[in-house]
């Protein structure tokens, strides 16, 4: 299956608790960190929820 790279580009400070939990579930805890996940609907849904805080590469 294909993978995507997700990078946190903005701070979580001031974000709602649900968005902070979504970043934790993705494995992003600090600005500038990059994680790699499989390209599936669950991960893409989480990325959509925090799209203003992250950037995605295929």
Protein backbone atom coordinates (compact mmCIF):
# COMPACT_ATOMS: atom_id res chain seq x y z
CA UNK A 1 0.00 0.00 0.00
CA UNK A 2 1.12 3.57 -0.67
CA UNK A 3 2.49 5.74 2.10
CA UNK A 4 2.26 9.46 2.74
CA UNK A 5 4.58 11.75 4.69
CA UNK A 6 2.91 14.16 7.09
CA UNK A 7 4.83 17.12 8.50
CA UNK A 8 3.59 19.40 11.28
CA UNK A 9 4.21 22.95 10.08
CA UNK A 10 2.24 25.01 12.61
CA UNK A 11 2.03 24.94 16.40
CA UNK A 12 -0.76 23.21 18.30
CA UNK A 13 -0.90 26.04 20.84
CA UNK A 14 -4.40 27.50 20.95
CA UNK A 15 -5.98 24.61 19.03
CA UNK A 16 -9.05 22.77 20.30
CA UNK A 17 -8.43 19.63 22.32
CA UNK A 18 -9.81 17.38 19.56
CA UNK A 19 -7.23 18.69 17.09
CA UNK A 20 -4.41 18.20 19.61
CA UNK A 21 -5.56 14.61 20.13
CA UNK A 22 -5.63 14.07 16.37
CA UNK A 23 -2.02 15.28 16.10
CA UNK A 24 -1.07 12.89 18.93
CA UNK A 25 -2.80 10.01 17.14
CA UNK A 26 -0.80 10.81 14.01
CA UNK A 27 2.40 10.81 16.05
CA UNK A 28 3.07 14.55 15.70
CA UNK A 29 4.08 16.21 18.95
CA UNK A 30 6.42 19.01 17.86
CA UNK A 31 6.53 21.46 14.97
CA UNK A 32 8.79 20.26 12.17
CA UNK A 33 8.37 16.54 12.86
CA UNK A 34 7.67 14.20 9.95
CA UNK A 35 5.85 10.87 10.19
CA UNK A 36 5.02 8.28 7.56
CA UNK A 37 1.63 6.53 7.45
CA UNK A 38 -0.22 4.29 5.03
CA UNK A 39 -2.56 6.06 2.65
CA UNK A 40 -5.96 4.88 3.95
CA UNK A 41 -9.29 6.61 4.65
CA UNK A 42 -8.76 6.77 8.44
CA UNK A 43 -5.42 8.59 8.15
CA UNK A 44 -6.71 10.89 5.40
CA UNK A 45 -9.68 11.82 7.60
CA UNK A 46 -7.35 12.74 10.46
CA UNK A 47 -5.19 14.81 8.10
CA UNK A 48 -8.30 16.61 6.83
CA UNK A 49 -9.22 17.56 10.40
CA UNK A 50 -5.83 19.25 11.01
CA UNK A 51 -5.01 20.31 7.44
CA UNK A 52 -4.23 23.87 8.57
CA UNK A 53 -1.45 22.54 10.85
CA UNK A 54 0.22 19.97 8.58
CA UNK A 55 1.58 19.47 5.08
CA UNK A 56 1.32 16.20 3.15
CA UNK A 57 3.61 14.59 0.57
CA UNK A 58 2.75 11.47 -1.37
